[in-house]
Amino acid sequence: HYVKYNQESYTAVINRHGIDCTVEALSILETFF
């Protein structure tokens, strides 16, 4: 049960750090695969 008591969290704005983390995560996967 994944709790999201604050409905806004479903549409929460991701900041630039979050974008960079997502890009880095895919870079890790690309290097691996």
PDB file of all heavy atoms in Angstrom:
ATOM      1  N   HIS A   1       0.851  -1.184   0.000  1.00  0.00           N
ATOM      2  CA  HIS A   1       0.000   0.000   0.000  1.00  0.00           C
ATOM      3  C   HIS A   1       0.891   1.239   0.000  1.00  0.00           C
ATOM      4  O   HIS A   1       1.552   1.542   0.989  1.00  0.00           O
ATOM      5  CB  HIS A   1      -0.929  -0.031   1.205  1.00  0.00           C
ATOM      6  CG  HIS A   1      -1.787  -1.260   1.236  1.00  0.00           C
ATOM      7  ND1 HIS A   1      -3.036  -1.322   0.652  1.00  0.00           N
ATOM      8  CD2 HIS A   1      -1.539  -2.504   1.738  1.00  0.00           C
ATOM      9  CE1 HIS A   1      -3.534  -2.526   0.812  1.00  0.00           C
ATOM     10  NE2 HIS A   1      -2.648  -3.269   1.464  1.00  0.00           N
ATOM     11  N   TYR A   2       0.897   1.911  -1.128  1.00  0.00           N
ATOM     12  CA  TYR A   2       1.774   3.051  -1.387  1.00  0.00           C
ATOM     13  C   TYR A   2       1.034   4.327  -1.017  1.00  0.00           C
ATOM     14  O   TYR A   2       0.096   4.743  -1.700  1.00  0.00           O
ATOM     15  CB  TYR A   2       2.153   3.037  -2.868  1.00  0.00           C
ATOM     16  CG  TYR A   2       3.232   3.983  -3.294  1.00  0.00           C
ATOM     17  CD1 TYR A   2       4.569   3.607  -3.291  1.00  0.00           C
ATOM     18  CD2 TYR A   2       2.909   5.260  -3.727  1.00  0.00           C
ATOM     19  CE1 TYR A   2       5.561   4.475  -3.711  1.00  0.00           C
ATOM     20  CE2 TYR A   2       3.885   6.141  -4.152  1.00  0.00           C
ATOM     21  CZ  TYR A   2       5.208   5.739  -4.126  1.00  0.00           C
ATOM     22  OH  TYR A   2       6.192   6.604  -4.531  1.00  0.00           O
ATOM     23  N   VAL A   3       1.427   4.932   0.072  1.00  0.00           N
ATOM     24  CA  VAL A   3       0.665   6.031   0.648  1.00  0.00           C
ATOM     25  C   VAL A   3       0.968   7.355  -0.041  1.00  0.00           C
ATOM     26  O   VAL A   3       2.119   7.766  -0.155  1.00  0.00           O
ATOM     27  CB  VAL A   3       0.946   6.141   2.161  1.00  0.00           C
ATOM     28  CG1 VAL A   3       0.320   7.408   2.735  1.00  0.00           C
ATOM     29  CG2 VAL A   3       0.409   4.905   2.882  1.00  0.00           C
ATOM     30  N   LYS A   4      -0.083   7.999  -0.485  1.00  0.00           N
ATOM     31  CA  LYS A   4       0.006   9.346  -1.055  1.00  0.00           C
ATOM     32  C   LYS A   4      -1.115  10.180  -0.458  1.00  0.00           C
ATOM     33  O   LYS A   4      -2.065  10.550  -1.124  1.00  0.00           O
ATOM     34  CB  LYS A   4      -0.118   9.291  -2.586  1.00  0.00           C
ATOM     35  CG  LYS A   4       1.057   8.653  -3.284  1.00  0.00           C
ATOM     36  CD  LYS A   4       2.283   9.526  -3.187  1.00  0.00           C
ATOM     37  CE  LYS A   4       3.449   8.961  -3.983  1.00  0.00           C
ATOM     38  NZ  LYS A   4       4.671   9.752  -3.807  1.00  0.00           N
ATOM     39  N   TYR A   5      -1.020  10.430   0.861  1.00  0.00           N
ATOM     40  CA  TYR A   5      -2.105  11.133   1.529  1.00  0.00           C
ATOM     41  C   TYR A   5      -2.283  12.547   0.997  1.00  0.00           C
ATOM     42  O   TYR A   5      -3.378  13.093   1.038  1.00  0.00           O
ATOM     43  CB  TYR A   5      -1.861  11.177   3.037  1.00  0.00           C
ATOM     44  CG  TYR A   5      -2.072   9.837   3.712  1.00  0.00           C
ATOM     45  CD1 TYR A   5      -1.236   9.409   4.729  1.00  0.00           C
ATOM     46  CD2 TYR A   5      -3.107   8.994   3.314  1.00  0.00           C
ATOM     47  CE1 TYR A   5      -1.426   8.186   5.357  1.00  0.00           C
ATOM     48  CE2 TYR A   5      -3.302   7.772   3.921  1.00  0.00           C
ATOM     49  CZ  TYR A   5      -2.471   7.370   4.946  1.00  0.00           C
ATOM     50  OH  TYR A   5      -2.652   6.159   5.552  1.00  0.00           O
ATOM     51  N   ASN A   6      -1.223  13.148   0.516  1.00  0.00           N
ATOM     52  CA  ASN A   6      -1.320  14.458  -0.109  1.00  0.00           C
ATOM     53  C   ASN A   6      -1.568  14.253  -1.597  1.00  0.00           C
ATOM     54  O   ASN A   6      -0.686  13.822  -2.338  1.00  0.00           O
ATOM     55  CB  ASN A   6      -0.031  15.253   0.104  1.00  0.00           C
ATOM     56  CG  ASN A   6      -0.072  16.611  -0.563  1.00  0.00           C
ATOM     57  OD1 ASN A   6      -1.097  17.012  -1.114  1.00  0.00           O
ATOM     58  ND2 ASN A   6       1.032  17.323  -0.524  1.00  0.00           N
ATOM     59  N   GLN A   7      -2.785  14.556  -2.037  1.00  0.00           N
ATOM     60  CA  GLN A   7      -3.120  14.314  -3.436  1.00  0.00           C
ATOM     61  C   GLN A   7      -2.188  15.035  -4.393  1.00  0.00           C
ATOM     62  O   GLN A   7      -1.958  14.571  -5.508  1.00  0.00           O
ATOM     63  CB  GLN A   7      -4.562  14.742  -3.724  1.00  0.00           C
ATOM     64  CG  GLN A   7      -5.571  13.627  -3.486  1.00  0.00           C
ATOM     65  CD  GLN A   7      -6.905  13.980  -4.086  1.00  0.00           C
ATOM     66  OE1 GLN A   7      -7.544  14.948  -3.709  1.00  0.00           O
ATOM     67  NE2 GLN A   7      -7.335  13.199  -5.035  1.00  0.00           N
ATOM     68  N   GLU A   8      -1.652  16.150  -3.955  1.00  0.00           N
ATOM     69  CA  GLU A   8      -0.765  16.902  -4.834  1.00  0.00           C
ATOM     70  C   GLU A   8       0.490  16.108  -5.163  1.00  0.00           C
ATOM     71  O   GLU A   8       1.160  16.373  -6.161  1.00  0.00           O
ATOM     72  CB  GLU A   8      -0.380  18.233  -4.182  1.00  0.00           C
ATOM     73  CG  GLU A   8      -1.533  19.209  -4.054  1.00  0.00           C
ATOM     74  CD  GLU A   8      -2.189  19.502  -5.382  1.00  0.00           C
ATOM     75  OE1 GLU A   8      -1.457  19.806  -6.344  1.00  0.00           O
ATOM     76  OE2 GLU A   8      -3.410  19.422  -5.483  1.00  0.00           O
ATOM     77  N   SER A   9       0.815  15.113  -4.347  1.00  0.00           N
ATOM     78  CA  SER A   9       2.029  14.353  -4.605  1.00  0.00           C
ATOM     79  C   SER A   9       1.922  13.555  -5.889  1.00  0.00           C
ATOM     80  O   SER A   9       2.919  13.157  -6.473  1.00  0.00           O
ATOM     81  CB  SER A   9       2.338  13.429  -3.426  1.00  0.00           C
ATOM     82  OG  SER A   9       1.295  12.501  -3.246  1.00  0.00           O
ATOM     83  N   TYR A  10       0.693  13.282  -6.338  1.00  0.00           N
ATOM     84  CA  TYR A  10       0.546  12.582  -7.608  1.00  0.00           C
ATOM     85  C   TYR A  10       1.057  13.445  -8.769  1.00  0.00           C
ATOM     86  O   TYR A  10       1.522  12.935  -9.784  1.00  0.00           O
ATOM     87  CB  TYR A  10      -0.933  12.253  -7.867  1.00  0.00           C
ATOM     88  CG  TYR A  10      -1.413  11.010  -7.182  1.00  0.00           C
ATOM     89  CD1 TYR A  10      -2.371  11.085  -6.180  1.00  0.00           C
ATOM     90  CD2 TYR A  10      -0.929   9.763  -7.550  1.00  0.00           C
ATOM     91  CE1 TYR A  10      -2.831   9.950  -5.552  1.00  0.00           C
ATOM     92  CE2 TYR A  10      -1.378   8.623  -6.922  1.00  0.00           C
ATOM     93  CZ  TYR A  10      -2.338   8.711  -5.928  1.00  0.00           C
ATOM     94  OH  TYR A  10      -2.776   7.577  -5.319  1.00  0.00           O
ATOM     95  N   THR A  11       0.971  14.729  -8.601  1.00  0.00           N
ATOM     96  CA  THR A  11       1.355  15.634  -9.690  1.00  0.00           C
ATOM     97  C   THR A  11       2.442  16.594  -9.242  1.00  0.00           C
ATOM     98  O   THR A  11       2.560  17.697  -9.751  1.00  0.00           O
ATOM     99  CB  THR A  11       0.118  16.426 -10.170  1.00  0.00           C
ATOM    100  OG1 THR A  11      -0.436  17.133  -9.062  1.00  0.00           O
ATOM    101  CG2 THR A  11      -0.934  15.488 -10.731  1.00  0.00           C
ATOM    102  N   ALA A  12       3.207  16.172  -8.259  1.00  0.00           N
ATOM    103  CA  ALA A  12       4.232  17.047  -7.699  1.00  0.00           C
ATOM    104  C   ALA A  12       5.249  17.422  -8.769  1.00  0.00           C
ATOM    105  O   ALA A  12       5.612  16.617  -9.615  1.00  0.00           O
ATOM    106  CB  ALA A  12       4.940  16.349  -6.540  1.00  0.00           C
ATOM    107  N   VAL A  13       5.682  18.656  -8.721  1.00  0.00           N
ATOM    108  CA  VAL A  13       6.661  19.131  -9.690  1.00  0.00           C
ATOM    109  C   VAL A  13       8.043  18.612  -9.310  1.00  0.00           C
ATOM    110  O   VAL A  13       8.465  18.735  -8.165  1.00  0.00           O
ATOM    111  CB  VAL A  13       6.658  20.669  -9.749  1.00  0.00           C
ATOM    112  CG1 VAL A  13       7.805  21.171 -10.618  1.00  0.00           C
ATOM    113  CG2 VAL A  13       5.319  21.165 -10.276  1.00  0.00           C
ATOM    114  N   ILE A  14       8.722  18.027 -10.269  1.00  0.00           N
ATOM    115  CA  ILE A  14      10.081  17.552 -10.052  1.00  0.00           C
ATOM    116  C   ILE A  14      11.041  18.705 -10.336  1.00  0.00           C
ATOM    117  O   ILE A  14      10.858  19.455 -11.301  1.00  0.00           O
ATOM    118  CB  ILE A  14      10.372  16.331 -10.968  1.00  0.00           C
ATOM    119  CG1 ILE A  14      11.701  15.671 -10.581  1.00  0.00           C
ATOM    120  CG2 ILE A  14      10.354  16.713 -12.430  1.00  0.00           C
ATOM    121  CD1 ILE A  14      11.938  14.361 -11.314  1.00  0.00           C
ATOM    122  N   ASN A  15      12.039  18.880  -9.486  1.00  0.00           N
ATOM    123  CA  ASN A  15      12.965  19.991  -9.690  1.00  0.00           C
ATOM    124  C   ASN A  15      14.139  19.559 -10.576  1.00  0.00           C
ATOM    125  O   ASN A  15      14.218  18.418 -11.026  1.00  0.00           O
ATOM    126  CB  ASN A  15      13.459  20.546  -8.343  1.00  0.00           C
ATOM    127  CG  ASN A  15      14.169  19.484  -7.504  1.00  0.00           C
ATOM    128  OD1 ASN A  15      14.682  18.484  -8.022  1.00  0.00           O
ATOM    129  ND2 ASN A  15      14.201  19.703  -6.198  1.00  0.00           N
ATOM    130  N   ARG A  16      15.045  20.499 -10.798  1.00  0.00           N
ATOM    131  CA  ARG A  16      16.165  20.219 -11.714  1.00  0.00           C
ATOM    132  C   ARG A  16      17.049  19.087 -11.185  1.00  0.00           C
ATOM    133  O   ARG A  16      17.550  18.267 -11.958  1.00  0.00           O
ATOM    134  CB  ARG A  16      16.989  21.494 -11.914  1.00  0.00           C
ATOM    135  CG  ARG A  16      18.176  21.351 -12.865  1.00  0.00           C
ATOM    136  CD  ARG A  16      17.742  20.975 -14.279  1.00  0.00           C
ATOM    137  NE  ARG A  16      18.864  20.933 -15.171  1.00  0.00           N
ATOM    138  CZ  ARG A  16      19.290  21.984 -15.897  1.00  0.00           C
ATOM    139  NH1 ARG A  16      18.667  23.157 -15.817  1.00  0.00           N
ATOM    140  NH2 ARG A  16      20.334  21.872 -16.685  1.00  0.00           N
ATOM    141  N   HIS A  17      17.229  19.027  -9.874  1.00  0.00           N
ATOM    142  CA  HIS A  17      18.013  17.932  -9.293  1.00  0.00           C
ATOM    143  C   HIS A  17      17.360  16.585  -9.599  1.00  0.00           C
ATOM    144  O   HIS A  17      18.046  15.617  -9.936  1.00  0.00           O
ATOM    145  CB  HIS A  17      18.139  18.114  -7.786  1.00  0.00           C
ATOM    146  CG  HIS A  17      18.809  16.974  -7.090  1.00  0.00           C
ATOM    147  ND1 HIS A  17      20.145  16.666  -7.262  1.00  0.00           N
ATOM    148  CD2 HIS A  17      18.311  16.036  -6.218  1.00  0.00           C
ATOM    149  CE1 HIS A  17      20.450  15.602  -6.530  1.00  0.00           C
ATOM    150  NE2 HIS A  17      19.349  15.201  -5.898  1.00  0.00           N
ATOM    151  N   GLY A  18      16.043  16.535  -9.485  1.00  0.00           N
ATOM    152  CA  GLY A  18      15.337  15.296  -9.791  1.00  0.00           C
ATOM    153  C   GLY A  18      15.484  14.897 -11.249  1.00  0.00           C
ATOM    154  O   GLY A  18      15.616  13.708 -11.575  1.00  0.00           O
ATOM    155  N   ILE A  19      15.460  15.890 -12.133  1.00  0.00           N
ATOM    156  CA  ILE A  19      15.674  15.607 -13.562  1.00  0.00           C
ATOM    157  C   ILE A  19      17.063  15.033 -13.780  1.00  0.00           C
ATOM    158  O   ILE A  19      17.239  14.019 -14.477  1.00  0.00           O
ATOM    159  CB  ILE A  19      15.480  16.890 -14.390  1.00  0.00           C
ATOM    160  CG1 ILE A  19      14.035  17.370 -14.299  1.00  0.00           C
ATOM    161  CG2 ILE A  19      15.866  16.651 -15.848  1.00  0.00           C
ATOM    162  CD1 ILE A  19      13.797  18.730 -14.924  1.00  0.00           C
ATOM    163  N   ASP A  20      18.058  15.644 -13.167  1.00  0.00           N
ATOM    164  CA  ASP A  20      19.433  15.170 -13.326  1.00  0.00           C
ATOM    165  C   ASP A  20      19.608  13.755 -12.762  1.00  0.00           C
ATOM    166  O   ASP A  20      20.336  12.947 -13.325  1.00  0.00           O
ATOM    167  CB  ASP A  20      20.401  16.134 -12.639  1.00  0.00           C
ATOM    168  CG  ASP A  20      20.545  17.455 -13.386  1.00  0.00           C
ATOM    169  OD1 ASP A  20      20.244  17.485 -14.598  1.00  0.00           O
ATOM    170  OD2 ASP A  20      20.950  18.451 -12.766  1.00  0.00           O
ATOM    171  N   CYS A  21      18.930  13.471 -11.649  1.00  0.00           N
ATOM    172  CA  CYS A  21      19.005  12.124 -11.074  1.00  0.00           C
ATOM    173  C   CYS A  21      18.408  11.095 -12.028  1.00  0.00           C
ATOM    174  O   CYS A  21      18.954   9.988 -12.204  1.00  0.00           O
ATOM    175  CB  CYS A  21      18.268  12.068  -9.734  1.00  0.00           C
ATOM    176  SG  CYS A  21      19.156  12.810  -8.354  1.00  0.00           S
ATOM    177  N   THR A  22      17.305  11.437 -12.656  1.00  0.00           N
ATOM    178  CA  THR A  22      16.660  10.526 -13.598  1.00  0.00           C
ATOM    179  C   THR A  22      17.557  10.275 -14.805  1.00  0.00           C
ATOM    180  O   THR A  22      17.674   9.146 -15.295  1.00  0.00           O
ATOM    181  CB  THR A  22      15.310  11.103 -14.049  1.00  0.00           C
ATOM    182  OG1 THR A  22      14.492  11.335 -12.904  1.00  0.00           O
ATOM    183  CG2 THR A  22      14.589  10.140 -14.980  1.00  0.00           C
ATOM    184  N   VAL A  23      18.199  11.325 -15.290  1.00  0.00           N
ATOM    185  CA  VAL A  23      19.138  11.181 -16.411  1.00  0.00           C
ATOM    186  C   VAL A  23      20.316  10.299 -16.000  1.00  0.00           C
ATOM    187  O   VAL A  23      20.752   9.424 -16.764  1.00  0.00           O
ATOM    188  CB  VAL A  23      19.627  12.566 -16.883  1.00  0.00           C
ATOM    189  CG1 VAL A  23      20.749  12.420 -17.905  1.00  0.00           C
ATOM    190  CG2 VAL A  23      18.465  13.367 -17.468  1.00  0.00           C
ATOM    191  N   GLU A  24      20.825  10.500 -14.793  1.00  0.00           N
ATOM    192  CA  GLU A  24      21.942   9.681 -14.320  1.00  0.00           C
ATOM    193  C   GLU A  24      21.536   8.231 -14.159  1.00  0.00           C
ATOM    194  O   GLU A  24      22.307   7.316 -14.488  1.00  0.00           O
ATOM    195  CB  GLU A  24      22.473  10.219 -12.996  1.00  0.00           C
ATOM    196  CG  GLU A  24      23.698   9.451 -12.483  1.00  0.00           C
ATOM    197  CD  GLU A  24      24.238   9.956 -11.166  1.00  0.00           C
ATOM    198  OE1 GLU A  24      23.808  11.031 -10.718  1.00  0.00           O
ATOM    199  OE2 GLU A  24      25.094   9.270 -10.580  1.00  0.00           O
ATOM    200  N   ALA A  25      20.330   8.004 -13.676  1.00  0.00           N
ATOM    201  CA  ALA A  25      19.854   6.629 -13.498  1.00  0.00           C
ATOM    202  C   ALA A  25      19.833   5.891 -14.830  1.00  0.00           C
ATOM    203  O   ALA A  25      20.286   4.739 -14.929  1.00  0.00           O
ATOM    204  CB  ALA A  25      18.461   6.628 -12.872  1.00  0.00           C
ATOM    205  N   LEU A  26      19.333   6.547 -15.871  1.00  0.00           N
ATOM    206  CA  LEU A  26      19.300   5.892 -17.178  1.00  0.00           C
ATOM    207  C   LEU A  26      20.699   5.721 -17.733  1.00  0.00           C
ATOM    208  O   LEU A  26      20.994   4.728 -18.421  1.00  0.00           O
ATOM    209  CB  LEU A  26      18.431   6.689 -18.157  1.00  0.00           C
ATOM    210  CG  LEU A  26      18.260   6.056 -19.544  1.00  0.00           C
ATOM    211  CD1 LEU A  26      17.814   4.599 -19.444  1.00  0.00           C
ATOM    212  CD2 LEU A  26      17.295   6.860 -20.389  1.00  0.00           C
ATOM    213  N   SER A  27      21.607   6.632 -17.444  1.00  0.00           N
ATOM    214  CA  SER A  27      22.995   6.481 -17.878  1.00  0.00           C
ATOM    215  C   SER A  27      23.622   5.237 -17.260  1.00  0.00           C
ATOM    216  O   SER A  27      24.363   4.495 -17.928  1.00  0.00           O
ATOM    217  CB  SER A  27      23.791   7.728 -17.492  1.00  0.00           C
ATOM    218  OG  SER A  27      25.157   7.585 -17.838  1.00  0.00           O
ATOM    219  N   ILE A  28      23.320   4.997 -15.976  1.00  0.00           N
ATOM    220  CA  ILE A  28      23.814   3.792 -15.307  1.00  0.00           C
ATOM    221  C   ILE A  28      23.281   2.547 -15.996  1.00  0.00           C
ATOM    222  O   ILE A  28      24.014   1.581 -16.255  1.00  0.00           O
ATOM    223  CB  ILE A  28      23.386   3.812 -13.816  1.00  0.00           C
ATOM    224  CG1 ILE A  28      24.148   4.900 -13.059  1.00  0.00           C
ATOM    225  CG2 ILE A  28      23.618   2.450 -13.156  1.00  0.00           C
ATOM    226  CD1 ILE A  28      23.607   5.173 -11.669  1.00  0.00           C
ATOM    227  N   LEU A  29      21.996   2.566 -16.324  1.00  0.00           N
ATOM    228  CA  LEU A  29      21.386   1.413 -16.983  1.00  0.00           C
ATOM    229  C   LEU A  29      21.940   1.216 -18.394  1.00  0.00           C
ATOM    230  O   LEU A  29      22.194   0.085 -18.817  1.00  0.00           O
ATOM    231  CB  LEU A  29      19.867   1.600 -17.032  1.00  0.00           C
ATOM    232  CG  LEU A  29      19.153   1.564 -15.679  1.00  0.00           C
ATOM    233  CD1 LEU A  29      17.693   1.968 -15.839  1.00  0.00           C
ATOM    234  CD2 LEU A  29      19.257   0.183 -15.054  1.00  0.00           C
ATOM    235  N   GLU A  30      22.125   2.309 -19.125  1.00  0.00           N
ATOM    236  CA  GLU A  30      22.658   2.193 -20.481  1.00  0.00           C
ATOM    237  C   GLU A  30      24.051   1.589 -20.455  1.00  0.00           C
ATOM    238  O   GLU A  30      24.367   0.684 -21.245  1.00  0.00           O
ATOM    239  CB  GLU A  30      22.686   3.562 -21.162  1.00  0.00           C
ATOM    240  CG  GLU A  30      23.229   3.492 -22.586  1.00  0.00           C
ATOM    241  CD  GLU A  30      23.105   4.809 -23.322  1.00  0.00           C
ATOM    242  OE1 GLU A  30      22.848   5.845 -22.676  1.00  0.00           O
ATOM    243  OE2 GLU A  30      23.254   4.799 -24.564  1.00  0.00           O
ATOM    244  N   THR A  31      24.914   2.060 -19.558  1.00  0.00           N
ATOM    245  CA  THR A  31      26.266   1.515 -19.443  1.00  0.00           C
ATOM    246  C   THR A  31      26.219   0.023 -19.131  1.00  0.00           C
ATOM    247  O   THR A  31      26.967  -0.775 -19.710  1.00  0.00           O
ATOM    248  CB  THR A  31      27.046   2.242 -18.335  1.00  0.00           C
ATOM    249  OG1 THR A  31      27.142   3.632 -18.670  1.00  0.00           O
ATOM    250  CG2 THR A  31      28.433   1.669 -18.168  1.00  0.00           C
ATOM    251  N   PHE A  32      25.328  -0.361 -18.242  1.00  0.00           N
ATOM    252  CA  PHE A  32      25.220  -1.768 -17.849  1.00  0.00           C
ATOM    253  C   PHE A  32      24.736  -2.634 -19.012  1.00  0.00           C
ATOM    254  O   PHE A  32      25.360  -3.657 -19.346  1.00  0.00           O
ATOM    255  CB  PHE A  32      24.261  -1.903 -16.662  1.00  0.00           C
ATOM    256  CG  PHE A  32      24.006  -3.315 -16.244  1.00  0.00           C
ATOM    257  CD1 PHE A  32      24.872  -3.974 -15.387  1.00  0.00           C
ATOM    258  CD2 PHE A  32      22.888  -3.999 -16.701  1.00  0.00           C
ATOM    259  CE1 PHE A  32      24.652  -5.285 -15.003  1.00  0.00           C
ATOM    260  CE2 PHE A  32      22.641  -5.310 -16.322  1.00  0.00           C
ATOM    261  CZ  PHE A  32      23.524  -5.957 -15.473  1.00  0.00           C
ATOM    262  N   PHE A  33      23.642  -2.254 -19.638  1.00  0.00           N
ATOM    263  CA  PHE A  33      23.031  -3.114 -20.656  1.00  0.00           C
ATOM    264  C   PHE A  33      23.775  -3.075 -21.995  1.00  0.00           C
ATOM    265  O   PHE A  33      23.561  -3.947 -22.831  1.00  0.00           O
ATOM    266  CB  PHE A  33      21.558  -2.766 -20.828  1.00  0.00           C
ATOM    267  CG  PHE A  33      20.690  -3.299 -19.722  1.00  0.00           C
ATOM    268  CD1 PHE A  33      20.221  -2.461 -18.723  1.00  0.00           C
ATOM    269  CD2 PHE A  33      20.372  -4.653 -19.660  1.00  0.00           C
ATOM    270  CE1 PHE A  33      19.439  -2.957 -17.684  1.00  0.00           C
ATOM    271  CE2 PHE A  33      19.596  -5.162 -18.634  1.00  0.00           C
ATOM    272  CZ  PHE A  33      19.127  -4.319 -17.642  1.00  0.00           C
TER     273      PHE A  33
END
